[in-house]
Amino acid sequence: MLAFGYAFLYLPIALVILYSFNESRLVTVWAGFSTKWWSALFANEAMLSAAWLSLRIALVSATVAAVIGLAAATCWRACRASSAARCSAA
């Protein structure tokens, strides 16, 4: 059952990657293997700029989430270790 769950999640991603190497503009027609769409992507400066911006935003948000999660876990652990009255006052 777990394999079906993973297939449901990862098979569409694998198909998109596979069809990105299609020569044809149509997804339904396989015209042969080509890297022309990837070269067009890397030649497009606006796309590359947007991708790098997305990557920087993801890195910053993941770092902030990790710091907030670490602080919350530290506070939660400190509250569990101390008395209940001390936690309810805060």
C-alpha atoms as a PDB file:
ATOM      1  CA  MET A   1       0.000   0.000   0.000  1.00  0.00           C
ATOM      2  CA  LEU A   2       2.895   2.329   0.749  1.00  0.00           C
ATOM      3  CA  ALA A   3       4.290   1.730  -2.738  1.00  0.00           C
ATOM      4  CA  PHE A   4       1.052   3.012  -4.284  1.00  0.00           C
ATOM      5  CA  GLY A   5       1.327   6.163  -2.187  1.00  0.00           C
ATOM      6  CA  TYR A   6       4.881   6.786  -3.338  1.00  0.00           C
ATOM      7  CA  ALA A   7       3.935   6.047  -6.938  1.00  0.00           C
ATOM      8  CA  PHE A   8       1.021   8.486  -6.671  1.00  0.00           C
ATOM      9  CA  LEU A   9       3.405  11.199  -5.464  1.00  0.00           C
ATOM     10  CA  TYR A  10       6.520  10.586  -7.536  1.00  0.00           C
ATOM     11  CA  LEU A  11       5.277   9.131 -10.824  1.00  0.00           C
ATOM     12  CA  PRO A  12       3.860  12.463 -12.086  1.00  0.00           C
ATOM     13  CA  ILE A  13       7.166  14.180 -11.290  1.00  0.00           C
ATOM     14  CA  ALA A  14       9.077  11.486 -13.158  1.00  0.00           C
ATOM     15  CA  LEU A  15       6.751  11.810 -16.161  1.00  0.00           C
ATOM     16  CA  VAL A  16       7.200  15.582 -16.297  1.00  0.00           C
ATOM     17  CA  ILE A  17      10.972  15.119 -16.252  1.00  0.00           C
ATOM     18  CA  LEU A  18      10.733  12.444 -18.952  1.00  0.00           C
ATOM     19  CA  TYR A  19       8.528  14.561 -21.211  1.00  0.00           C
ATOM     20  CA  SER A  20      10.806  17.565 -20.781  1.00  0.00           C
ATOM     21  CA  PHE A  21      13.184  15.754 -23.134  1.00  0.00           C
ATOM     22  CA  ASN A  22      10.499  15.423 -25.843  1.00  0.00           C
ATOM     23  CA  GLU A  23      11.255  16.986 -29.217  1.00  0.00           C
ATOM     24  CA  SER A  24       7.596  17.771 -29.882  1.00  0.00           C
ATOM     25  CA  ARG A  25       5.686  20.759 -28.538  1.00  0.00           C
ATOM     26  CA  LEU A  26       2.759  18.427 -27.828  1.00  0.00           C
ATOM     27  CA  VAL A  27       2.847  16.229 -24.756  1.00  0.00           C
ATOM     28  CA  THR A  28       0.719  13.551 -26.385  1.00  0.00           C
ATOM     29  CA  VAL A  29       3.164  12.998 -29.270  1.00  0.00           C
ATOM     30  CA  TRP A  30       6.645  11.634 -28.599  1.00  0.00           C
ATOM     31  CA  ALA A  31       8.835  12.981 -31.399  1.00  0.00           C
ATOM     32  CA  GLY A  32      12.171  11.781 -30.074  1.00  0.00           C
ATOM     33  CA  PHE A  33      14.764  12.658 -27.475  1.00  0.00           C
ATOM     34  CA  SER A  34      15.964  16.255 -27.430  1.00  0.00           C
ATOM     35  CA  THR A  35      17.473  18.753 -25.032  1.00  0.00           C
ATOM     36  CA  LYS A  36      16.214  21.800 -26.904  1.00  0.00           C
ATOM     37  CA  TRP A  37      13.727  22.738 -24.174  1.00  0.00           C
ATOM     38  CA  TRP A  38      16.432  22.576 -21.527  1.00  0.00           C
ATOM     39  CA  SER A  39      18.753  24.749 -23.625  1.00  0.00           C
ATOM     40  CA  ALA A  40      15.896  27.202 -24.147  1.00  0.00           C
ATOM     41  CA  LEU A  41      15.355  27.275 -20.394  1.00  0.00           C
ATOM     42  CA  PHE A  42      19.001  27.986 -19.625  1.00  0.00           C
ATOM     43  CA  ALA A  43      19.110  30.674 -22.315  1.00  0.00           C
ATOM     44  CA  ASN A  44      16.179  32.526 -20.728  1.00  0.00           C
ATOM     45  CA  GLU A  45      17.655  34.999 -18.218  1.00  0.00           C
ATOM     46  CA  ALA A  46      14.284  35.919 -16.708  1.00  0.00           C
ATOM     47  CA  MET A  47      13.565  32.271 -15.910  1.00  0.00           C
ATOM     48  CA  LEU A  48      16.974  31.749 -14.355  1.00  0.00           C
ATOM     49  CA  SER A  49      16.630  34.903 -12.294  1.00  0.00           C
ATOM     50  CA  ALA A  50      13.230  33.786 -11.029  1.00  0.00           C
ATOM     51  CA  ALA A  51      14.595  30.330 -10.177  1.00  0.00           C
ATOM     52  CA  TRP A  52      17.496  31.782  -8.181  1.00  0.00           C
ATOM     53  CA  LEU A  53      15.139  34.134  -6.360  1.00  0.00           C
ATOM     54  CA  SER A  54      12.880  31.195  -5.478  1.00  0.00           C
ATOM     55  CA  LEU A  55      15.874  29.242  -4.234  1.00  0.00           C
ATOM     56  CA  ARG A  56      17.041  32.122  -2.032  1.00  0.00           C
ATOM     57  CA  ILE A  57      13.529  32.603  -0.607  1.00  0.00           C
ATOM     58  CA  ALA A  58      13.284  28.865   0.118  1.00  0.00           C
ATOM     59  CA  LEU A  59      16.653  28.874   1.871  1.00  0.00           C
ATOM     60  CA  VAL A  60      15.768  31.875   4.036  1.00  0.00           C
ATOM     61  CA  SER A  61      12.320  30.552   4.932  1.00  0.00           C
ATOM     62  CA  ALA A  62      13.699  27.105   5.813  1.00  0.00           C
ATOM     63  CA  THR A  63      16.371  28.683   8.002  1.00  0.00           C
ATOM     64  CA  VAL A  64      13.847  30.915   9.783  1.00  0.00           C
ATOM     65  CA  ALA A  65      11.490  27.965  10.295  1.00  0.00           C
ATOM     66  CA  ALA A  66      14.319  25.872  11.754  1.00  0.00           C
ATOM     67  CA  VAL A  67      15.327  28.659  14.145  1.00  0.00           C
ATOM     68  CA  ILE A  68      11.722  29.223  15.270  1.00  0.00           C
ATOM     69  CA  GLY A  69      11.212  25.473  15.673  1.00  0.00           C
ATOM     70  CA  LEU A  70      14.409  25.159  17.706  1.00  0.00           C
ATOM     71  CA  ALA A  71      13.349  28.051  19.948  1.00  0.00           C
ATOM     72  CA  ALA A  72       9.876  26.578  20.429  1.00  0.00           C
ATOM     73  CA  ALA A  73      11.297  23.145  21.253  1.00  0.00           C
ATOM     74  CA  THR A  74      13.727  24.670  23.734  1.00  0.00           C
ATOM     75  CA  CYS A  75      10.928  26.597  25.454  1.00  0.00           C
ATOM     76  CA  TRP A  76       8.674  23.559  25.492  1.00  0.00           C
ATOM     77  CA  ARG A  77      11.419  21.415  26.983  1.00  0.00           C
ATOM     78  CA  ALA A  78      12.167  24.068  29.614  1.00  0.00           C
ATOM     79  CA  CYS A  79       8.481  24.305  30.538  1.00  0.00           C
ATOM     80  CA  ARG A  80       8.200  20.536  30.883  1.00  0.00           C
ATOM     81  CA  ALA A  81      11.249  20.454  33.132  1.00  0.00           C
ATOM     82  CA  SER A  82      10.030  23.263  35.375  1.00  0.00           C
ATOM     83  CA  SER A  83       6.920  23.364  37.499  1.00  0.00           C
ATOM     84  CA  ALA A  84       3.431  23.752  36.012  1.00  0.00           C
ATOM     85  CA  ALA A  85       2.843  27.031  37.862  1.00  0.00           C
ATOM     86  CA  ARG A  86       5.896  28.578  36.264  1.00  0.00           C
ATOM     87  CA  CYS A  87       4.695  27.636  32.771  1.00  0.00           C
ATOM     88  CA  SER A  88       1.181  28.931  33.288  1.00  0.00           C
ATOM     89  CA  ALA A  89       2.532  32.298  34.444  1.00  0.00           C
ATOM     90  CA  ALA A  90       4.402  32.774  31.190  1.00  0.00           C
END
